[in-house]
Amino acid sequence: MEEKKNIVLIGMPGSGKSTIGVILAKALGMGFVDIDLLICQREGCTLQEILDERGLDAFLQVEEDTVLEMDQRGTVIATGGSVPMRRASMEHLARSGVFVYIDVPLEELERRIHDMATRGIAFGPGQTLADIYAVRTPIYRRWADVTVAVTPSGDATLEVAAAVAEIIEKLGLDAAAE
């Protein structure tokens, strides 16, 4: 029997990777891992504490080290938004997985994220969400095997369900029986 590949969700902070990932994993009968939570467990503190106390470069290194230690199979993986900024992380994840880019318009991300300074988002001094979006979007697109555009509808449950259904369809997978 062929080993199941990981499904690796990439995209901006606030794009819904963790929420979509949990529902997708359940629908496919797969495991689920959230890299941000792994970092918190590994380091014993929040993402924001790492950023505040150690700085952006140290955060990105901790994130990369955490990814490189992973050895999942048949798992839905929600990456932190900055994971694709490190080539070694992406090459490691690519060996056992397929990348799904969760594409959400900047205006929707700005509506969703109100706590940039405390949410544990990797960005430099003076950078805005628009700055991060401009830098990261081409990187997400370059790595994506599949892109799922989330169209804001005002109903988050419907948006998540539509994204999960589209991922399953685009990857040619069958949902697990309930």
Protein backbone atom coordinates (compact mmCIF):
# COMPACT_ATOMS: atom_id res chain seq x y z
CA MET A 1 0.00 0.00 0.00
CA GLU A 2 1.33 3.41 -0.94
CA GLU A 3 2.20 5.70 1.95
CA LYS A 4 -0.03 8.76 2.23
CA LYS A 5 1.67 12.06 1.53
CA ASN A 6 1.36 14.94 3.93
CA ILE A 7 -0.86 17.83 2.93
CA VAL A 8 1.03 20.99 3.85
CA LEU A 9 -1.03 24.17 4.11
CA ILE A 10 0.81 27.41 3.40
CA GLY A 11 -0.44 30.98 3.37
CA MET A 12 -0.59 34.26 5.20
CA PRO A 13 -1.32 34.60 8.91
CA GLY A 14 -5.09 34.74 9.28
CA SER A 15 -5.75 32.73 6.11
CA GLY A 16 -7.34 29.89 8.09
CA LYS A 17 -4.64 27.22 7.71
CA SER A 18 -5.17 25.79 11.20
CA THR A 19 -8.97 25.81 11.02
CA ILE A 20 -9.06 24.38 7.50
CA GLY A 21 -6.36 21.87 8.47
CA VAL A 22 -8.32 20.37 11.37
CA ILE A 23 -11.49 19.97 9.26
CA LEU A 24 -9.50 18.61 6.29
CA ALA A 25 -7.70 16.07 8.49
CA LYS A 26 -11.01 14.89 9.94
CA ALA A 27 -12.58 14.62 6.48
CA LEU A 28 -9.67 12.53 5.20
CA GLY A 29 -9.05 10.48 8.34
CA MET A 30 -5.54 11.90 8.66
CA GLY A 31 -3.52 13.28 11.54
CA PHE A 32 -3.12 17.03 12.07
CA VAL A 33 -0.10 19.06 13.17
CA ASP A 34 0.10 22.83 13.66
CA ILE A 35 3.72 23.96 13.43
CA ASP A 36 3.04 27.07 15.53
CA LEU A 37 1.81 24.83 18.36
CA LEU A 38 4.85 22.56 17.99
CA ILE A 39 7.08 25.62 18.38
CA CYS A 40 5.23 26.66 21.55
CA GLN A 41 5.55 23.15 23.01
CA ARG A 42 9.22 22.87 22.03
CA GLU A 43 10.17 26.29 23.42
CA GLY A 44 7.79 26.43 26.39
CA CYS A 45 6.47 29.87 25.50
CA THR A 46 4.28 31.70 23.00
CA LEU A 47 5.36 32.73 19.51
CA GLN A 48 5.11 36.37 20.55
CA GLU A 49 7.41 35.77 23.52
CA ILE A 50 10.04 34.31 21.19
CA LEU A 51 9.73 37.33 18.89
CA ASP A 52 9.79 39.85 21.76
CA GLU A 53 12.61 38.25 23.74
CA ARG A 54 14.84 36.80 21.01
CA GLY A 55 13.96 38.74 17.86
CA LEU A 56 12.82 37.92 14.33
CA ASP A 57 15.94 36.05 13.18
CA ALA A 58 15.91 33.79 16.24
CA PHE A 59 12.20 33.12 15.74
CA LEU A 60 12.75 32.12 12.12
CA GLN A 61 15.59 29.82 13.19
CA VAL A 62 13.44 28.16 15.88
CA GLU A 63 10.69 27.73 13.29
CA GLU A 64 13.10 26.17 10.80
CA ASP A 65 14.62 23.86 13.45
CA THR A 66 11.14 22.71 14.44
CA VAL A 67 10.21 21.95 10.82
CA LEU A 68 13.47 20.09 10.18
CA GLU A 69 12.80 17.86 13.23
CA MET A 70 9.39 16.82 11.85
CA ASP A 71 8.94 13.34 10.39
CA GLN A 72 5.20 13.03 9.80
CA ARG A 73 3.50 10.86 7.19
CA GLY A 74 -0.15 10.97 6.19
CA THR A 75 -0.66 14.19 8.13
CA VAL A 76 -2.25 17.54 7.40
CA ILE A 77 0.30 20.17 8.44
CA ALA A 78 -0.61 23.80 9.07
CA THR A 79 2.55 25.86 8.70
CA GLY A 80 3.20 29.20 10.27
CA GLY A 81 2.94 31.97 7.69
CA SER A 82 6.69 32.51 7.70
CA VAL A 83 7.74 28.87 7.14
CA PRO A 84 8.06 29.36 3.35
CA MET A 85 10.63 32.11 3.99
CA ARG A 86 13.21 29.40 4.72
CA ARG A 87 14.13 27.18 1.74
CA ALA A 88 15.44 24.33 3.95
CA SER A 89 12.06 24.11 5.69
CA MET A 90 10.18 23.97 2.41
CA GLU A 91 12.53 21.42 0.86
CA HIS A 92 12.13 19.22 3.96
CA LEU A 93 8.33 19.45 3.84
CA ALA A 94 8.29 18.89 0.06
CA ARG A 95 10.01 15.50 0.42
CA SER A 96 6.93 13.99 2.06
CA GLY A 97 4.13 16.34 1.15
CA VAL A 98 2.15 18.37 -1.29
CA PHE A 99 1.74 22.14 -0.77
CA VAL A 100 -1.70 23.75 -0.73
CA TYR A 101 -1.65 27.54 -0.76
CA ILE A 102 -4.64 29.06 1.03
CA ASP A 103 -5.00 32.33 -0.88
CA VAL A 104 -6.97 35.02 0.94
CA PRO A 105 -7.19 38.62 -0.33
CA LEU A 106 -5.21 41.21 1.64
CA GLU A 107 -8.37 43.18 2.46
CA GLU A 108 -9.88 40.09 4.12
CA LEU A 109 -6.68 39.39 6.07
CA GLU A 110 -6.68 42.98 7.33
CA ARG A 111 -10.29 42.50 8.44
CA ARG A 112 -9.45 39.25 10.25
CA ILE A 113 -6.21 40.28 11.99
CA HIS A 114 -6.52 42.93 14.67
CA ASP A 115 -3.63 41.89 16.87
CA MET A 116 -0.51 42.10 14.67
CA ALA A 117 1.69 43.17 17.59
CA THR A 118 0.67 40.31 19.90
CA ARG A 119 -0.31 37.43 17.62
CA GLY A 120 3.16 36.01 17.04
CA ILE A 121 3.47 37.09 13.41
CA ALA A 122 7.02 37.22 12.08
CA PHE A 123 7.57 40.71 10.71
CA GLY A 124 10.27 43.33 10.99
CA PRO A 125 10.12 46.77 12.56
CA GLY A 126 7.82 49.11 10.65
CA GLN A 127 6.44 46.35 8.42
CA THR A 128 2.70 46.19 7.82
CA LEU A 129 0.51 43.27 6.86
CA ALA A 130 0.52 44.66 3.30
CA ASP A 131 4.35 44.60 3.28
CA ILE A 132 4.43 40.98 4.44
CA TYR A 133 1.72 40.06 1.91
CA ALA A 134 3.72 41.64 -0.95
CA VAL A 135 6.87 39.70 -0.02
CA ARG A 136 5.32 36.35 0.83
CA THR A 137 2.60 35.93 -1.81
CA PRO A 138 5.03 35.23 -4.70
CA ILE A 139 6.86 32.73 -2.48
CA TYR A 140 3.63 30.91 -1.58
CA ARG A 141 2.66 30.79 -5.26
CA ARG A 142 6.06 29.45 -6.27
CA TRP A 143 5.88 26.53 -3.81
CA ALA A 144 2.17 25.74 -4.26
CA ASP A 145 1.20 22.47 -5.90
CA VAL A 146 -2.44 23.51 -5.52
CA THR A 147 -3.95 26.93 -4.81
CA VAL A 148 -7.30 27.38 -3.10
CA ALA A 149 -8.70 30.90 -3.28
CA VAL A 150 -10.90 31.66 -0.30
CA THR A 151 -13.69 34.01 -1.32
CA PRO A 152 -14.94 35.96 1.69
CA SER A 153 -18.66 35.32 2.13
CA GLY A 154 -19.27 36.61 5.63
CA ASP A 155 -19.88 33.00 6.75
CA ALA A 156 -16.66 31.46 8.03
CA THR A 157 -18.16 27.97 8.31
CA LEU A 158 -19.14 27.98 4.63
CA GLU A 159 -15.74 29.38 3.62
CA VAL A 160 -13.91 26.58 5.50
CA ALA A 161 -16.22 23.88 4.11
CA ALA A 162 -15.74 25.18 0.57
CA ALA A 163 -11.95 25.31 0.98
CA VAL A 164 -11.83 21.76 2.37
CA ALA A 165 -14.01 20.44 -0.47
CA GLU A 166 -11.85 22.21 -3.06
CA ILE A 167 -8.62 20.84 -1.57
CA ILE A 168 -10.01 17.29 -1.59
CA GLU A 169 -11.18 17.70 -5.19
CA LYS A 170 -7.96 19.31 -6.48
CA LEU A 171 -5.81 16.64 -4.83
CA GLY A 172 -8.06 13.88 -6.18
CA LEU A 173 -8.69 12.42 -2.73
CA ASP A 174 -11.71 10.72 -1.18
CA ALA A 175 -13.19 11.98 2.06
CA ALA A 176 -13.35 9.43 4.88
CA ALA A 177 -16.79 8.01 5.59
CA GLU A 178 -18.45 9.60 8.61
